[in-house]
């Protein structure tokens, strides 16, 4: 199974469209969204082509292929218009003999760890910066942001397939990887 992982669309129809195109090009089986889907938030500038209603329409077309965790900009009002669950604080995935704890990052993060065993993976968005850091006891991963990258990073996403995480730019170029 191939899973595409992305975060922080923030209502950008332009970059949501690009994400869906990449999802189809990747031939992924599922799309895991790490929150902040529709609203740009008070600390961010408006992303390019800010059009939450268009984002709703595009994502709802893929409702049976998406699973999602709640970001700090996601609310019950957003859930009323999205046809897939978005309000879970975390999701747990098995990857080989490791657990992947997927969350947005505003509650559980490197400064407030969830319950992890040695070797598990903490996967979150929120910072808009792609990362992969082996902390010894756990591995910290972040796909970066689809629409508002920070710290001179590019827009992109991750894939998980066959025990390999890959960070990619739009266009599918891998720039970082981690093997289980």
Protein backbone atom coordinates (compact mmCIF):
# COMPACT_ATOMS: atom_id res chain seq x y z
CA UNK A 1 0.00 0.00 0.00
CA UNK A 2 1.20 3.49 -0.86
CA UNK A 3 0.17 6.39 1.37
CA UNK A 4 0.67 10.03 0.43
CA UNK A 5 1.12 12.34 3.44
CA UNK A 6 0.55 16.09 3.30
CA UNK A 7 -0.15 18.98 5.64
CA UNK A 8 -1.22 22.59 5.81
CA UNK A 9 -3.27 23.22 2.66
CA UNK A 10 -4.74 26.31 4.38
CA UNK A 11 -7.51 26.82 1.82
CA UNK A 12 -5.28 27.16 -1.25
CA UNK A 13 -7.21 25.82 -4.25
CA UNK A 14 -4.08 26.15 -6.40
CA UNK A 15 -1.95 23.92 -4.19
CA UNK A 16 -4.78 21.55 -3.29
CA UNK A 17 -5.22 20.98 -7.04
CA UNK A 18 -1.47 20.34 -7.36
CA UNK A 19 -1.63 17.94 -4.40
CA UNK A 20 -4.47 15.96 -5.99
CA UNK A 21 -2.53 15.83 -9.29
CA UNK A 22 0.53 14.49 -7.45
CA UNK A 23 -1.66 12.00 -5.58
CA UNK A 24 -2.94 10.66 -8.88
CA UNK A 25 0.56 10.65 -10.46
CA UNK A 26 1.90 8.75 -7.44
CA UNK A 27 -0.92 6.19 -7.78
CA UNK A 28 -1.24 6.28 -4.00
CA UNK A 29 -3.92 4.21 -2.28
CA UNK A 30 -4.70 6.71 0.47
CA UNK A 31 -4.08 10.35 1.34
CA UNK A 32 -3.25 11.22 4.95
CA UNK A 33 -3.79 14.91 5.73
CA UNK A 34 -2.11 16.26 8.85
CA UNK A 35 -4.53 19.14 9.38
CA UNK A 36 -5.04 22.83 8.62
CA UNK A 37 -7.18 22.19 5.57
CA UNK A 38 -9.41 25.20 4.92
CA UNK A 39 -8.48 28.23 7.02
CA UNK A 40 -5.20 30.11 6.62
CA UNK A 41 -4.93 31.06 10.29
CA UNK A 42 -4.21 34.46 11.85
CA UNK A 43 -0.40 34.10 11.69
CA UNK A 44 -0.20 33.25 7.97
CA UNK A 45 -0.65 35.40 4.91
CA UNK A 46 -3.37 34.33 2.51
CA UNK A 47 -2.02 31.49 0.39
CA UNK A 48 -2.10 31.65 -3.41
CA UNK A 49 -5.62 31.21 -4.80
CA UNK A 50 -7.25 31.15 -1.36
CA UNK A 51 -10.61 29.52 -2.09
CA UNK A 52 -11.75 27.15 0.69
CA UNK A 53 -14.99 26.25 -1.13
CA UNK A 54 -12.97 24.93 -4.08
CA UNK A 55 -10.74 22.97 -1.68
CA UNK A 56 -13.86 21.46 -0.10
CA UNK A 57 -15.12 20.35 -3.50
CA UNK A 58 -11.78 18.81 -4.57
CA UNK A 59 -11.23 16.93 -1.33
CA UNK A 60 -14.82 15.72 -1.04
CA UNK A 61 -14.41 14.05 -4.44
CA UNK A 62 -11.69 11.90 -2.78
CA UNK A 63 -13.58 11.38 0.52
CA UNK A 64 -13.21 7.59 0.47
CA UNK A 65 -9.43 7.81 0.03
CA UNK A 66 -8.64 10.43 2.69
CA UNK A 67 -7.97 10.10 6.38
CA UNK A 68 -7.10 13.13 8.41
CA UNK A 69 -6.12 14.54 11.77
CA UNK A 70 -7.25 17.88 13.17
CA UNK A 71 -5.05 20.93 12.84
CA UNK A 72 -5.16 24.01 15.03
CA UNK A 73 -7.07 25.84 12.25
CA UNK A 74 -9.67 23.07 11.78
CA UNK A 75 -13.07 23.31 13.51
CA UNK A 76 -16.45 21.68 13.81
CA UNK A 77 -17.72 24.11 11.17
CA UNK A 78 -15.16 22.69 8.72
CA UNK A 79 -16.36 19.18 9.52
CA UNK A 80 -19.89 20.22 8.53
CA UNK A 81 -18.76 20.75 4.91
CA UNK A 82 -16.10 18.05 4.53
CA UNK A 83 -17.39 14.52 3.88
CA UNK A 84 -14.53 12.70 5.64
CA UNK A 85 -13.60 12.82 9.34
CA UNK A 86 -11.18 15.63 10.25
CA UNK A 87 -11.53 16.09 14.01
CA UNK A 88 -9.32 13.30 15.44
CA UNK A 89 -6.31 14.63 17.33
CA UNK A 90 -4.17 11.76 16.07
CA UNK A 91 -4.05 8.60 13.99
CA UNK A 92 -1.88 5.57 14.60
CA UNK A 93 -0.41 3.58 11.70
CA UNK A 94 1.63 0.41 11.70
CA UNK A 95 4.78 0.58 9.60
CA UNK A 96 6.64 -2.70 9.85
CA UNK A 97 7.25 -3.28 13.55
CA UNK A 98 7.02 0.44 14.34
CA UNK A 99 4.15 2.68 15.24
CA UNK A 100 3.62 5.96 13.38
CA UNK A 101 1.88 8.49 15.57
CA UNK A 102 0.37 11.01 13.12
CA UNK A 103 -0.84 14.33 14.50
CA UNK A 104 -0.89 17.96 13.44
CA UNK A 105 1.77 19.09 15.91
CA UNK A 106 0.07 21.84 17.90
CA UNK A 107 -0.67 19.47 20.82
CA UNK A 108 1.75 16.56 20.48
CA UNK A 109 5.18 17.46 19.11
CA UNK A 110 8.85 17.20 20.03
CA UNK A 111 8.26 19.32 23.14
CA UNK A 112 5.20 17.31 24.23
CA UNK A 113 5.64 13.72 23.12
CA UNK A 114 2.74 11.31 22.74
CA UNK A 115 3.16 7.75 24.08
CA UNK A 116 5.97 6.34 21.94
CA UNK A 117 8.13 3.24 22.28
CA UNK A 118 11.76 3.21 21.23
CA UNK A 119 11.96 3.36 17.44
CA UNK A 120 8.45 4.73 16.89
CA UNK A 121 7.80 7.67 14.57
CA UNK A 122 6.28 11.02 15.46
CA UNK A 123 4.76 12.44 12.27
CA UNK A 124 3.33 15.93 12.27
CA UNK A 125 2.85 19.06 10.19
CA UNK A 126 2.16 22.48 11.78
CA UNK A 127 5.66 23.98 11.42
CA UNK A 128 5.53 24.03 7.58
CA UNK A 129 9.12 22.76 7.47
CA UNK A 130 10.04 19.29 6.11
CA UNK A 131 12.15 17.27 8.55
CA UNK A 132 13.44 13.83 9.34
CA UNK A 133 15.47 13.56 12.54
CA UNK A 134 16.40 10.36 14.34
CA UNK A 135 16.30 11.32 18.01
CA UNK A 136 17.54 7.91 19.18
CA UNK A 137 14.38 6.96 21.08
CA UNK A 138 12.07 8.01 18.24
CA UNK A 139 12.16 9.49 14.74
CA UNK A 140 10.59 12.89 14.08
CA UNK A 141 9.12 13.48 10.61
CA UNK A 142 7.32 16.42 9.02
CA UNK A 143 6.17 16.64 5.37
CA UNK A 144 6.34 20.46 5.33
CA UNK A 145 3.50 22.49 3.86
CA UNK A 146 1.49 22.14 0.69
CA UNK A 147 0.74 25.87 0.40
CA UNK A 148 2.77 28.02 2.83
CA UNK A 149 6.28 26.60 3.22
CA UNK A 150 8.56 28.21 5.80
CA UNK A 151 12.31 28.51 6.45
CA UNK A 152 13.10 28.52 2.71
CA UNK A 153 11.62 25.06 2.18
CA UNK A 154 9.60 24.15 -0.89
CA UNK A 155 6.02 23.04 -1.25
CA UNK A 156 5.67 19.29 -1.12
CA UNK A 157 4.50 16.09 0.47
CA UNK A 158 5.69 12.65 1.60
CA UNK A 159 4.97 9.11 0.52
CA UNK A 160 5.19 5.89 2.51
CA UNK A 161 5.54 2.74 0.48
CA UNK A 162 7.36 -0.53 1.14
CA UNK A 163 8.84 0.73 4.40
CA UNK A 164 10.35 3.85 2.80
CA UNK A 165 9.29 7.42 3.57
CA UNK A 166 10.15 9.89 0.80
CA UNK A 167 9.83 13.67 0.85
CA UNK A 168 9.00 15.09 -2.56
CA UNK A 169 8.50 18.42 -4.26
CA UNK A 170 5.57 19.05 -6.54
CA UNK A 171 6.74 17.35 -9.68
CA UNK A 172 7.59 14.19 -7.76
CA UNK A 173 11.31 14.86 -7.21
CA UNK A 174 12.50 13.12 -4.02
CA UNK A 175 14.80 15.23 -1.84
CA UNK A 176 14.94 13.15 1.35
CA UNK A 177 14.15 9.58 2.39
CA UNK A 178 14.07 7.34 5.43
CA UNK A 179 13.94 3.53 5.38
CA UNK A 180 12.45 1.54 8.22
